[in-house]
Protein backbone atom coordinates (compact mmCIF):
# COMPACT_ATOMS: atom_id res chain seq x y z
CA MET A 1 31.85 -58.00 26.37
CA ILE A 2 33.94 -57.13 29.33
CA ARG A 3 34.62 -53.46 30.11
CA ALA A 4 37.07 -52.46 32.71
CA ILE A 5 38.42 -49.08 33.95
CA ALA A 6 41.60 -48.93 36.13
CA ILE A 7 41.67 -45.93 38.32
CA ARG A 8 44.81 -44.67 39.87
CA PHE A 9 43.45 -43.84 43.37
CA LEU A 10 44.23 -44.04 46.98
CA ARG A 11 43.08 -47.41 48.45
CA ILE A 12 39.42 -47.30 49.22
CA THR A 13 37.45 -49.51 51.73
CA SER A 14 33.76 -49.61 52.32
CA ARG A 15 34.28 -47.43 55.23
CA SER A 16 36.11 -44.69 53.32
CA LEU A 17 33.47 -44.99 50.58
CA ARG A 18 30.92 -43.96 53.11
CA ARG A 19 32.96 -40.97 54.12
CA LEU A 20 33.33 -40.05 50.41
CA ARG A 21 29.61 -39.69 50.06
CA SER A 22 29.17 -37.76 53.45
CA GLU A 23 32.02 -35.54 53.11
CA ARG A 24 31.82 -34.17 49.60
CA GLY A 25 31.09 -30.69 50.68
CA ILE A 26 34.39 -30.24 52.50
CA SER A 27 36.34 -27.28 51.07
CA ASN A 28 39.80 -28.03 52.62
CA GLN A 29 42.11 -29.35 50.07
CA PHE A 30 44.76 -30.53 52.46
CA SER A 31 45.04 -30.51 56.29
CA ILE A 32 46.53 -32.80 58.91
CA ASN A 33 44.08 -34.53 61.13
CA ASN A 34 44.96 -37.36 63.56
CA GLY A 35 47.26 -38.98 61.29
CA GLY A 36 45.04 -38.72 58.37
CA PHE A 37 44.76 -35.97 55.82
CA TRP A 38 42.17 -34.23 53.48
CA LEU A 39 43.15 -34.42 49.91
CA LYS A 40 41.45 -33.58 46.77
CA LEU A 41 41.92 -36.33 44.33
CA TRP A 42 41.82 -36.18 40.42
CA PRO A 43 41.80 -39.74 39.26
CA VAL A 44 43.61 -40.82 36.12
CA ILE A 45 41.45 -43.21 33.95
CA HIS A 46 42.89 -46.02 32.12
CA THR A 47 40.41 -47.33 29.49
CA VAL A 48 41.00 -51.03 28.92
CA ASN A 49 38.42 -51.08 26.02
CA ALA A 50 39.12 -48.36 23.58
CA SER A 51 35.42 -47.86 22.93
CA LEU A 52 34.87 -46.78 26.49
CA SER A 53 35.74 -43.28 27.08
CA THR A 54 34.60 -41.99 30.40
CA GLY A 55 35.87 -39.68 33.07
CA LEU A 56 35.53 -39.04 36.76
CA GLU A 57 35.46 -35.65 38.48
CA GLY A 58 37.71 -34.95 41.38
CA ARG A 59 36.26 -35.94 44.61
CA ILE A 60 37.15 -35.13 48.11
CA VAL A 61 38.20 -38.09 50.19
CA ARG A 62 39.48 -38.40 53.70
CA CYS A 63 42.46 -40.69 53.38
CA PHE A 64 44.42 -42.71 55.96
CA TYR A 65 46.59 -44.56 53.41
CA SER A 66 49.78 -43.16 52.14
CA ALA A 67 50.60 -45.65 49.38
CA MET A 68 49.07 -45.25 45.90
CA THR A 69 47.47 -48.29 44.38
CA THR A 70 45.35 -49.23 41.29
CA VAL A 71 41.52 -50.01 41.72
CA LEU A 72 39.93 -51.82 38.99
CA ILE A 73 36.32 -51.17 38.27
CA GLU A 74 35.00 -53.96 36.07
CA ILE A 75 31.67 -54.25 34.40
CA ARG A 76 31.02 -57.85 33.09
CA ARG A 77 28.51 -60.77 32.78
CA ALA A 78 27.85 -62.71 35.94
CA LYS A 79 29.38 -65.93 36.48
CA VAL A 80 27.95 -68.82 38.63
CA SER A 81 30.78 -68.21 41.12
CA ASP A 82 29.44 -64.71 41.70
CA ALA A 83 26.01 -66.11 43.05
CA GLU A 84 26.79 -65.72 46.67
CA ALA A 85 28.10 -62.18 46.32
CA ILE A 86 25.12 -61.12 44.20
CA ALA A 87 22.71 -62.62 46.67
CA SER A 88 24.43 -60.70 49.44
CA THR A 89 24.28 -57.39 47.25
CA HIS A 90 20.75 -58.04 46.67
CA ASP A 91 19.91 -58.55 50.43
CA GLU A 92 21.74 -55.26 51.36
CA ALA A 93 20.45 -53.04 48.51
CA TRP A 94 16.83 -54.31 48.94
CA ARG A 95 16.82 -53.62 52.70
CA ALA A 96 18.17 -50.27 52.29
CA ALA A 97 15.94 -49.31 49.29
CA TYR A 98 12.66 -50.72 50.72
CA GLN A 99 12.79 -50.52 54.48
CA GLY A 100 9.68 -48.62 55.51
CA ILE A 101 8.09 -49.02 52.01
CA ILE A 102 7.55 -52.79 51.72
CA PRO A 103 6.25 -54.26 54.80
CA GLY A 104 8.99 -55.96 56.95
CA ASN A 105 7.78 -59.55 56.65
CA GLU A 106 6.95 -59.22 52.98
CA LEU A 107 10.37 -57.73 52.27
CA SER A 108 12.31 -60.45 54.14
CA LYS A 109 10.29 -63.19 52.22
CA LEU A 110 11.18 -61.48 48.89
CA ILE A 111 14.81 -61.25 49.78
CA ASN A 112 15.07 -64.91 51.21
CA ARG A 113 13.52 -66.32 48.09
CA ARG A 114 16.60 -65.19 46.12
CA GLY A 115 19.52 -66.60 47.73
CA PRO A 116 22.77 -67.92 46.17
CA ASP A 117 20.92 -70.95 44.74
CA TRP A 118 18.38 -68.84 42.96
CA TRP A 119 20.93 -66.62 41.50
CA GLY A 120 23.19 -69.37 40.46
CA SER A 121 20.27 -71.12 38.77
CA ALA A 122 19.41 -67.74 36.91
CA ILE A 123 22.91 -67.51 35.73
CA ARG A 124 23.22 -70.89 34.54
CA LYS A 125 19.86 -70.73 32.71
CA GLY A 126 21.29 -67.67 30.79
CA SER A 127 19.59 -64.70 32.40
CA ARG A 128 21.29 -61.45 31.55
CA ILE A 129 22.97 -60.38 34.71
CA THR A 130 25.83 -57.77 34.60
CA ILE A 131 27.76 -56.91 37.76
CA LEU A 132 29.94 -53.97 38.68
CA GLN A 133 32.97 -55.21 40.41
CA PHE A 134 35.06 -52.67 42.57
CA GLY A 135 38.44 -54.04 43.15
CA GLU A 136 37.43 -57.61 44.61
CA HIS A 137 34.05 -56.62 45.73
CA ILE A 138 30.78 -56.81 43.64
CA ALA A 139 29.27 -53.47 44.22
CA GLY A 140 25.99 -53.81 42.31
CA TYR A 141 24.21 -55.78 39.41
CA ALA A 142 21.75 -55.25 36.79
CA ASN A 143 19.28 -57.93 35.45
CA TYR A 144 17.53 -57.13 32.16
CA GLY A 145 16.10 -58.62 28.97
CA ARG A 146 12.99 -58.34 26.87
CA ASN A 147 10.17 -56.14 27.98
CA ARG A 148 7.67 -58.20 29.84
CA ALA A 149 4.61 -55.77 29.50
CA ARG A 150 2.77 -56.42 26.48
CA SER A 151 0.80 -53.26 26.71
CA LEU A 152 4.12 -51.21 26.46
CA PHE A 153 5.65 -50.96 23.08
CA TYR A 154 9.31 -51.07 24.06
CA ASP A 155 11.94 -53.66 23.16
CA GLY A 156 13.89 -54.14 26.25
CA GLU A 157 13.53 -53.77 30.08
CA VAL A 158 15.94 -53.49 32.87
CA TYR A 159 14.25 -55.63 35.56
CA GLU A 160 16.61 -54.65 38.38
CA LEU A 161 19.51 -52.42 39.00
CA TYR A 162 20.92 -52.30 42.52
CA LEU A 163 24.09 -51.20 44.35
CA ARG A 164 25.23 -51.87 47.89
CA PRO A 165 24.46 -48.84 49.97
CA GLU A 166 28.24 -47.79 50.40
CA TYR A 167 28.76 -47.63 46.56
CA GLN A 168 25.71 -45.43 45.70
CA GLY A 169 26.15 -41.78 44.87
CA LEU A 170 29.44 -42.39 43.09
CA GLY A 171 28.32 -42.67 39.45
CA PHE A 172 28.44 -46.44 39.57
CA GLY A 173 24.58 -46.91 38.91
CA ARG A 174 24.98 -44.72 35.77
CA ARG A 175 27.81 -46.91 34.47
CA LEU A 176 25.81 -50.07 35.15
CA PHE A 177 22.69 -48.77 33.49
CA SER A 178 24.76 -47.65 30.45
CA ALA A 179 26.23 -51.05 30.09
CA ALA A 180 22.88 -52.88 30.36
CA ARG A 181 21.58 -50.45 27.89
CA LYS A 182 24.35 -50.99 25.47
CA ASP A 183 23.99 -54.83 25.73
CA LEU A 184 20.36 -54.57 25.00
CA VAL A 185 21.01 -52.38 21.97
CA GLN A 186 23.60 -54.75 20.59
CA SER A 187 20.93 -57.58 20.88
CA GLY A 188 18.49 -55.44 18.72
CA LEU A 189 16.44 -54.25 21.70
CA LYS A 190 16.78 -50.56 21.11
CA SER A 191 14.01 -48.99 23.33
CA LEU A 192 14.03 -49.58 26.94
CA VAL A 193 11.63 -49.37 29.96
CA VAL A 194 12.34 -49.56 33.79
CA TRP A 195 9.68 -49.93 36.56
CA ALA A 196 10.17 -48.31 39.98
CA LEU A 197 7.95 -48.01 43.03
CA SER A 198 6.71 -44.42 43.29
CA ASP A 199 7.66 -44.19 46.95
CA ASN A 200 11.27 -45.13 46.19
CA GLU A 201 12.39 -41.59 45.67
CA PRO A 202 16.13 -42.17 45.06
CA ALA A 203 15.16 -44.62 42.25
CA VAL A 204 12.71 -42.26 40.68
CA GLU A 205 15.09 -39.45 40.75
CA PHE A 206 17.87 -41.76 39.32
CA TYR A 207 15.94 -42.59 36.39
CA ARG A 208 14.67 -39.19 35.76
CA ALA A 209 18.27 -37.95 35.80
CA LEU A 210 19.09 -40.57 33.15
CA GLY A 211 16.55 -39.12 30.83
CA GLY A 212 13.80 -41.62 31.45
CA ARG A 213 10.34 -40.50 30.62
CA PRO A 214 7.33 -41.63 32.68
CA VAL A 215 5.04 -43.55 30.32
CA ALA A 216 2.80 -45.66 32.40
CA ARG A 217 1.53 -46.33 35.98
CA SER A 218 0.39 -49.41 37.81
CA SER A 219 0.42 -51.11 41.25
CA GLU A 220 1.80 -54.05 43.04
CA ARG A 221 0.53 -55.68 46.26
CA PHE A 222 2.86 -56.61 49.01
CA GLY A 223 0.91 -58.60 51.57
CA THR A 224 -1.88 -56.19 52.77
CA LYS A 225 -0.23 -53.18 51.20
CA THR A 226 -0.60 -51.85 47.69
CA LEU A 227 2.00 -49.68 46.18
CA ASP A 228 2.01 -47.62 43.11
CA LYS A 229 4.83 -47.91 40.49
CA VAL A 230 5.78 -46.09 37.50
CA ALA A 231 7.43 -47.07 34.14
CA TYR A 232 10.29 -44.88 32.72
CA ALA A 233 11.14 -45.33 29.15
CA TRP A 234 14.00 -44.45 26.72
CA GLN A 235 13.54 -44.44 22.90
CA ALA A 236 16.10 -45.90 20.63
């Protein structure tokens, strides 16, 4: 099921998204500065799917564009034509998330194994891969299906959920998680588990904030380094 949200918003680039995250604490609602201006925005949400009723809180953005436009946020299943963009997203997200946690050589090997051909093959084979598209750009993806750990009595599992660094902290991860969970529930997989490396603090905080309850611990070896990981679960 395709779900899309049209947001009446000032035109946003990757550069201004980075500003969005770093400048949220600014209190000035409006001031002229070198041809740009500060403006507190209250986006108007247009829900394409009537069953999707969500809102965005006002955010402070440094804007250098005077013309209003419409940016479409679309959450949909991945197509083979998305493979290259998903591979690029995977590369950027993993390097940002695991640099300093997974040894450099091992991290590069893991990323290089999953190029466009790998993702294209996974999509063709029917893997559940959902993407969040912001305008013309793929901002993130989620890969999910049946729970792989037989020792954990949960139906479904989110194998991966990643966003490009410039799209993090904007609520997009929560939207993507909700879409993946809803898709699993509609397939009869009502309970859910997610694994995260314990040292990946942003991921741990993210899943806790979504209501995930730690239910198991394990470890995984990356070259000569062994890292702990924790499973977070949601009941039906």
